[in-house]
Amino acid sequence: MLLQIFKSVRSERLLMEQTQYNLLFRWFVGLSMDDSVWMPTVFTKNRERLISHDDAIELFNALLAIAEQN
């Protein structure tokens, strides 16, 4: 999701498409050149699970606190 935000990728489908051929994207998410890229629907479902989990909220709040200190 960070790549999608930082690189202004409009959708998960386009993000997975770019991850297919962009070595920077592959490196960022920990995929080697031989690894297959996730299906966009799988990525979307996992994103929804992550966001609904309390750890994601805690991470966001911690990042917000750090940003407010600076």
PDB file of N, CA and C in Angstrom:
ATOM      1  N   MET A   1       0.829  -1.190   0.000  1.00  0.00           N
ATOM      2  CA  MET A   1       0.000   0.000   0.000  1.00  0.00           C
ATOM      3  C   MET A   1       0.871   1.250   0.000  1.00  0.00           C
ATOM      4  N   LEU A   2       2.044   1.157   0.623  1.00  0.00           N
ATOM      5  CA  LEU A   2       2.944   2.306   0.602  1.00  0.00           C
ATOM      6  C   LEU A   2       3.396   2.628  -0.816  1.00  0.00           C
ATOM      7  N   LEU A   3       3.712   1.606  -1.587  1.00  0.00           N
ATOM      8  CA  LEU A   3       4.094   1.837  -2.980  1.00  0.00           C
ATOM      9  C   LEU A   3       2.968   2.513  -3.744  1.00  0.00           C
ATOM     10  N   GLN A   4       1.764   2.084  -3.499  1.00  0.00           N
ATOM     11  CA  GLN A   4       0.624   2.647  -4.190  1.00  0.00           C
ATOM     12  C   GLN A   4       0.498   4.137  -3.861  1.00  0.00           C
ATOM     13  N   ILE A   5       0.747   4.495  -2.618  1.00  0.00           N
ATOM     14  CA  ILE A   5       0.657   5.897  -2.206  1.00  0.00           C
ATOM     15  C   ILE A   5       1.847   6.698  -2.727  1.00  0.00           C
ATOM     16  N   PHE A   6       3.064   6.184  -2.498  1.00  0.00           N
ATOM     17  CA  PHE A   6       4.267   6.920  -2.877  1.00  0.00           C
ATOM     18  C   PHE A   6       4.400   7.110  -4.386  1.00  0.00           C
ATOM     19  N   LYS A   7       3.988   6.125  -5.152  1.00  0.00           N
ATOM     20  CA  LYS A   7       4.143   6.174  -6.607  1.00  0.00           C
ATOM     21  C   LYS A   7       2.862   6.573  -7.338  1.00  0.00           C
ATOM     22  N   SER A   8       1.828   6.960  -6.596  1.00  0.00           N
ATOM     23  CA  SER A   8       0.555   7.428  -7.161  1.00  0.00           C
ATOM     24  C   SER A   8      -0.052   6.428  -8.148  1.00  0.00           C
ATOM     25  N   VAL A   9      -0.106   5.178  -7.722  1.00  0.00           N
ATOM     26  CA  VAL A   9      -0.731   4.137  -8.539  1.00  0.00           C
ATOM     27  C   VAL A   9      -2.219   4.131  -8.203  1.00  0.00           C
ATOM     28  N   ARG A  10      -3.060   4.215  -9.220  1.00  0.00           N
ATOM     29  CA  ARG A  10      -4.497   4.434  -9.021  1.00  0.00           C
ATOM     30  C   ARG A  10      -5.263   3.266  -8.422  1.00  0.00           C
ATOM     31  N   SER A  11      -4.825   2.035  -8.664  1.00  0.00           N
ATOM     32  CA  SER A  11      -5.607   0.897  -8.186  1.00  0.00           C
ATOM     33  C   SER A  11      -4.693  -0.272  -7.838  1.00  0.00           C
ATOM     34  N   GLU A  12      -5.264  -1.237  -7.123  1.00  0.00           N
ATOM     35  CA  GLU A  12      -4.498  -2.436  -6.790  1.00  0.00           C
ATOM     36  C   GLU A  12      -4.154  -3.232  -8.043  1.00  0.00           C
ATOM     37  N   ARG A  13      -5.048  -3.219  -8.995  1.00  0.00           N
ATOM     38  CA  ARG A  13      -4.797  -3.954 -10.238  1.00  0.00           C
ATOM     39  C   ARG A  13      -3.571  -3.374 -10.957  1.00  0.00           C
ATOM     40  N   LEU A  14      -3.490  -2.053 -11.039  1.00  0.00           N
ATOM     41  CA  LEU A  14      -2.327  -1.423 -11.664  1.00  0.00           C
ATOM     42  C   LEU A  14      -1.061  -1.625 -10.832  1.00  0.00           C
ATOM     43  N   LEU A  15      -1.225  -1.646  -9.519  1.00  0.00           N
ATOM     44  CA  LEU A  15      -0.078  -1.893  -8.644  1.00  0.00           C
ATOM     45  C   LEU A  15       0.498  -3.283  -8.887  1.00  0.00           C
ATOM     46  N   MET A  16      -0.358  -4.286  -8.990  1.00  0.00           N
ATOM     47  CA  MET A  16       0.106  -5.643  -9.246  1.00  0.00           C
ATOM     48  C   MET A  16       0.704  -5.763 -10.651  1.00  0.00           C
ATOM     49  N   GLU A  17       0.136  -5.028 -11.603  1.00  0.00           N
ATOM     50  CA  GLU A  17       0.687  -5.036 -12.963  1.00  0.00           C
ATOM     51  C   GLU A  17       2.091  -4.439 -12.969  1.00  0.00           C
ATOM     52  N   GLN A  18       2.276  -3.333 -12.279  1.00  0.00           N
ATOM     53  CA  GLN A  18       3.595  -2.713 -12.229  1.00  0.00           C
ATOM     54  C   GLN A  18       4.580  -3.561 -11.443  1.00  0.00           C
ATOM     55  N   THR A  19       4.109  -4.253 -10.432  1.00  0.00           N
ATOM     56  CA  THR A  19       4.980  -5.133  -9.664  1.00  0.00           C
ATOM     57  C   THR A  19       5.463  -6.298 -10.522  1.00  0.00           C
ATOM     58  N   GLN A  20       4.691  -6.645 -11.528  1.00  0.00           N
ATOM     59  CA  GLN A  20       5.072  -7.727 -12.442  1.00  0.00           C
ATOM     60  C   GLN A  20       6.386  -7.414 -13.156  1.00  0.00           C
ATOM     61  N   TYR A  21       6.595  -6.157 -13.542  1.00  0.00           N
ATOM     62  CA  TYR A  21       7.784  -5.825 -14.336  1.00  0.00           C
ATOM     63  C   TYR A  21       8.731  -4.804 -13.708  1.00  0.00           C
ATOM     64  N   ASN A  22       8.333  -4.141 -12.629  1.00  0.00           N
ATOM     65  CA  ASN A  22       9.162  -3.100 -12.024  1.00  0.00           C
ATOM     66  C   ASN A  22      10.046  -3.704 -10.936  1.00  0.00           C
ATOM     67  N   LEU A  23      11.355  -3.708 -11.152  1.00  0.00           N
ATOM     68  CA  LEU A  23      12.276  -4.320 -10.190  1.00  0.00           C
ATOM     69  C   LEU A  23      12.296  -3.585  -8.856  1.00  0.00           C
ATOM     70  N   LEU A  24      12.099  -2.275  -8.854  1.00  0.00           N
ATOM     71  CA  LEU A  24      12.039  -1.523  -7.604  1.00  0.00           C
ATOM     72  C   LEU A  24      10.846  -1.980  -6.760  1.00  0.00           C
ATOM     73  N   PHE A  25       9.703  -2.147  -7.392  1.00  0.00           N
ATOM     74  CA  PHE A  25       8.519  -2.618  -6.680  1.00  0.00           C
ATOM     75  C   PHE A  25       8.761  -4.013  -6.115  1.00  0.00           C
ATOM     76  N   ARG A  26       9.357  -4.884  -6.928  1.00  0.00           N
ATOM     77  CA  ARG A  26       9.640  -6.263  -6.483  1.00  0.00           C
ATOM     78  C   ARG A  26      10.574  -6.256  -5.282  1.00  0.00           C
ATOM     79  N   TRP A  27      11.615  -5.437  -5.340  1.00  0.00           N
ATOM     80  CA  TRP A  27      12.567  -5.352  -4.235  1.00  0.00           C
ATOM     81  C   TRP A  27      11.863  -4.849  -2.974  1.00  0.00           C
ATOM     82  N   PHE A  28      11.017  -3.830  -3.124  1.00  0.00           N
ATOM     83  CA  PHE A  28      10.349  -3.213  -1.984  1.00  0.00           C
ATOM     84  C   PHE A  28       9.450  -4.206  -1.246  1.00  0.00           C
ATOM     85  N   VAL A  29       8.782  -5.075  -1.987  1.00  0.00           N
ATOM     86  CA  VAL A  29       7.869  -6.036  -1.351  1.00  0.00           C
ATOM     87  C   VAL A  29       8.525  -7.377  -1.077  1.00  0.00           C
ATOM     88  N   GLY A  30       9.795  -7.531  -1.431  1.00  0.00           N
ATOM     89  CA  GLY A  30      10.527  -8.744  -1.107  1.00  0.00           C
ATOM     90  C   GLY A  30      10.357  -9.881  -2.095  1.00  0.00           C
ATOM     91  N   LEU A  31      10.026  -9.564  -3.339  1.00  0.00           N
ATOM     92  CA  LEU A  31       9.885 -10.590  -4.365  1.00  0.00           C
ATOM     93  C   LEU A  31      11.165 -10.666  -5.189  1.00  0.00           C
ATOM     94  N   SER A  32      11.589 -11.878  -5.503  1.00  0.00           N
ATOM     95  CA  SER A  32      12.723 -12.030  -6.411  1.00  0.00           C
ATOM     96  C   SER A  32      12.207 -11.934  -7.842  1.00  0.00           C
ATOM     97  N   MET A  33      13.124 -11.961  -8.795  1.00  0.00           N
ATOM     98  CA  MET A  33      12.726 -11.851 -10.201  1.00  0.00           C
ATOM     99  C   MET A  33      11.907 -13.046 -10.659  1.00  0.00           C
ATOM    100  N   ASP A  34      12.056 -14.194  -9.998  1.00  0.00           N
ATOM    101  CA  ASP A  34      11.346 -15.407 -10.395  1.00  0.00           C
ATOM    102  C   ASP A  34       9.999 -15.591  -9.707  1.00  0.00           C
ATOM    103  N   ASP A  35       9.756 -14.853  -8.633  1.00  0.00           N
ATOM    104  CA  ASP A  35       8.515 -15.012  -7.874  1.00  0.00           C
ATOM    105  C   ASP A  35       7.321 -14.482  -8.664  1.00  0.00           C
ATOM    106  N   SER A  36       6.200 -15.149  -8.484  1.00  0.00           N
ATOM    107  CA  SER A  36       4.988 -14.661  -9.138  1.00  0.00           C
ATOM    108  C   SER A  36       4.355 -13.567  -8.281  1.00  0.00           C
ATOM    109  N   VAL A  37       3.673 -12.675  -8.938  1.00  0.00           N
ATOM    110  CA  VAL A  37       3.022 -11.540  -8.281  1.00  0.00           C
ATOM    111  C   VAL A  37       1.631 -11.976  -7.849  1.00  0.00           C
ATOM    112  N   TRP A  38       1.151 -11.393  -6.762  1.00  0.00           N
ATOM    113  CA  TRP A  38      -0.166 -11.738  -6.235  1.00  0.00           C
ATOM    114  C   TRP A  38      -1.264 -11.293  -7.188  1.00  0.00           C
ATOM    115  N   MET A  39      -2.384 -11.984  -7.092  1.00  0.00           N
ATOM    116  CA  MET A  39      -3.566 -11.589  -7.856  1.00  0.00           C
ATOM    117  C   MET A  39      -4.150 -10.350  -7.179  1.00  0.00           C
ATOM    118  N   PRO A  40      -4.665  -9.386  -7.935  1.00  0.00           N
ATOM    119  CA  PRO A  40      -5.206  -8.165  -7.326  1.00  0.00           C
ATOM    120  C   PRO A  40      -6.333  -8.437  -6.333  1.00  0.00           C
ATOM    121  N   THR A  41      -7.166  -9.441  -6.588  1.00  0.00           N
ATOM    122  CA  THR A  41      -8.269  -9.730  -5.659  1.00  0.00           C
ATOM    123  C   THR A  41      -7.739 -10.234  -4.315  1.00  0.00           C
ATOM    124  N   VAL A  42      -6.686 -11.029  -4.347  1.00  0.00           N
ATOM    125  CA  VAL A  42      -6.076 -11.519  -3.105  1.00  0.00           C
ATOM    126  C   VAL A  42      -5.475 -10.350  -2.329  1.00  0.00           C
ATOM    127  N   PHE A  43      -4.797  -9.461  -3.053  1.00  0.00           N
ATOM    128  CA  PHE A  43      -4.199  -8.286  -2.424  1.00  0.00           C
ATOM    129  C   PHE A  43      -5.287  -7.434  -1.768  1.00  0.00           C
ATOM    130  N   THR A  44      -6.397  -7.222  -2.455  1.00  0.00           N
ATOM    131  CA  THR A  44      -7.490  -6.399  -1.930  1.00  0.00           C
ATOM    132  C   THR A  44      -8.083  -7.016  -0.665  1.00  0.00           C
ATOM    133  N   LYS A  45      -8.316  -8.323  -0.669  1.00  0.00           N
ATOM    134  CA  LYS A  45      -8.882  -8.980   0.517  1.00  0.00           C
ATOM    135  C   LYS A  45      -7.924  -8.910   1.695  1.00  0.00           C
ATOM    136  N   ASN A  46      -6.633  -9.095   1.450  1.00  0.00           N
ATOM    137  CA  ASN A  46      -5.660  -9.006   2.533  1.00  0.00           C
ATOM    138  C   ASN A  46      -5.544  -7.581   3.065  1.00  0.00           C
ATOM    139  N   ARG A  47      -5.659  -6.598   2.175  1.00  0.00           N
ATOM    140  CA  ARG A  47      -5.639  -5.199   2.608  1.00  0.00           C
ATOM    141  C   ARG A  47      -6.818  -4.911   3.527  1.00  0.00           C
ATOM    142  N   GLU A  48      -7.980  -5.392   3.165  1.00  0.00           N
ATOM    143  CA  GLU A  48      -9.170  -5.178   3.990  1.00  0.00           C
ATOM    144  C   GLU A  48      -9.007  -5.825   5.361  1.00  0.00           C
ATOM    145  N   ARG A  49      -8.416  -7.009   5.411  1.00  0.00           N
ATOM    146  CA  ARG A  49      -8.165  -7.672   6.700  1.00  0.00           C
ATOM    147  C   ARG A  49      -7.170  -6.880   7.535  1.00  0.00           C
ATOM    148  N   LEU A  50      -6.131  -6.377   6.897  1.00  0.00           N
ATOM    149  CA  LEU A  50      -5.105  -5.616   7.608  1.00  0.00           C
ATOM    150  C   LEU A  50      -5.677  -4.336   8.198  1.00  0.00           C
ATOM    151  N   ILE A  51      -6.458  -3.628   7.417  1.00  0.00           N
ATOM    152  CA  ILE A  51      -7.022  -2.366   7.882  1.00  0.00           C
ATOM    153  C   ILE A  51      -7.996  -2.586   9.027  1.00  0.00           C
ATOM    154  N   SER A  52      -8.745  -3.673   9.000  1.00  0.00           N
ATOM    155  CA  SER A  52      -9.715  -3.926  10.064  1.00  0.00           C
ATOM    156  C   SER A  52      -9.058  -4.406  11.354  1.00  0.00           C
ATOM    157  N   HIS A  53      -7.788  -4.763  11.288  1.00  0.00           N
ATOM    158  CA  HIS A  53      -7.064  -5.267  12.455  1.00  0.00           C
ATOM    159  C   HIS A  53      -6.546  -4.097  13.284  1.00  0.00           C
ATOM    160  N   ASP A  54      -6.517  -4.251  14.609  1.00  0.00           N
ATOM    161  CA  ASP A  54      -6.093  -3.180  15.506  1.00  0.00           C
ATOM    162  C   ASP A  54      -4.630  -2.798  15.326  1.00  0.00           C
ATOM    163  N   ASP A  55      -3.792  -3.709  14.865  1.00  0.00           N
ATOM    164  CA  ASP A  55      -2.377  -3.397  14.679  1.00  0.00           C
ATOM    165  C   ASP A  55      -2.171  -2.296  13.642  1.00  0.00           C
ATOM    166  N   ALA A  56      -2.978  -2.288  12.606  1.00  0.00           N
ATOM    167  CA  ALA A  56      -2.862  -1.243  11.582  1.00  0.00           C
ATOM    168  C   ALA A  56      -3.195   0.122  12.167  1.00  0.00           C
ATOM    169  N   ILE A  57      -4.193   0.161  13.027  1.00  0.00           N
ATOM    170  CA  ILE A  57      -4.572   1.415  13.666  1.00  0.00           C
ATOM    171  C   ILE A  57      -3.472   1.880  14.615  1.00  0.00           C
ATOM    172  N   GLU A  58      -2.884   0.950  15.363  1.00  0.00           N
ATOM    173  CA  GLU A  58      -1.787   1.296  16.263  1.00  0.00           C
ATOM    174  C   GLU A  58      -0.577   1.809  15.493  1.00  0.00           C
ATOM    175  N   LEU A  59      -0.260   1.183  14.359  1.00  0.00           N
ATOM    176  CA  LEU A  59       0.848   1.632  13.531  1.00  0.00           C
ATOM    177  C   LEU A  59       0.597   3.042  13.014  1.00  0.00           C
ATOM    178  N   PHE A  60      -0.597   3.295  12.522  1.00  0.00           N
ATOM    179  CA  PHE A  60      -0.929   4.628  12.026  1.00  0.00           C
ATOM    180  C   PHE A  60      -0.813   5.662  13.132  1.00  0.00           C
ATOM    181  N   ASN A  61      -1.312   5.345  14.315  1.00  0.00           N
ATOM    182  CA  ASN A  61      -1.241   6.292  15.432  1.00  0.00           C
ATOM    183  C   ASN A  61       0.204   6.545  15.856  1.00  0.00           C
ATOM    184  N   ALA A  62       1.049   5.519  15.829  1.00  0.00           N
ATOM    185  CA  ALA A  62       2.461   5.696  16.175  1.00  0.00           C
ATOM    186  C   ALA A  62       3.158   6.576  15.151  1.00  0.00           C
ATOM    187  N   LEU A  63       2.879   6.369  13.869  1.00  0.00           N
ATOM    188  CA  LEU A  63       3.461   7.199  12.823  1.00  0.00           C
ATOM    189  C   LEU A  63       2.980   8.635  12.928  1.00  0.00           C
ATOM    190  N   LEU A  64       1.741   8.815  13.259  1.00  0.00           N
ATOM    191  CA  LEU A  64       1.190  10.149  13.437  1.00  0.00           C
ATOM    192  C   LEU A  64       1.853  10.871  14.602  1.00  0.00           C
ATOM    193  N   ALA A  65       2.085  10.144  15.700  1.00  0.00           N
ATOM    194  CA  ALA A  65       2.749  10.730  16.860  1.00  0.00           C
ATOM    195  C   ALA A  65       4.173  11.166  16.524  1.00  0.00           C
ATOM    196  N   ILE A  66       4.880  10.347  15.743  1.00  0.00           N
ATOM    197  CA  ILE A  66       6.243  10.692  15.326  1.00  0.00           C
ATOM    198  C   ILE A  66       6.216  11.938  14.449  1.00  0.00           C
ATOM    199  N   ALA A  67       5.273  12.002  13.539  1.00  0.00           N
ATOM    200  CA  ALA A  67       5.171  13.164  12.645  1.00  0.00           C
ATOM    201  C   ALA A  67       4.855  14.441  13.424  1.00  0.00           C
ATOM    202  N   GLU A  68       4.031  14.320  14.445  1.00  0.00           N
ATOM    203  CA  GLU A  68       3.669  15.496  15.239  1.00  0.00           C
ATOM    204  C   GLU A  68       4.852  15.990  16.072  1.00  0.00           C
ATOM    205  N   GLN A  69       5.773  15.097  16.471  1.00  0.00           N
ATOM    206  CA  GLN A  69       6.943  15.494  17.234  1.00  0.00           C
ATOM    207  C   GLN A  69       7.905  16.322  16.396  1.00  0.00           C
ATOM    208  N   ASN A  70       7.946  16.044  15.105  1.00  0.00           N
ATOM    209  CA  ASN A  70       8.875  16.755  14.212  1.00  0.00           C
ATOM    210  C   ASN A  70       8.206  17.959  13.717  1.00  0.00           C
TER     211      ASN A  70
END
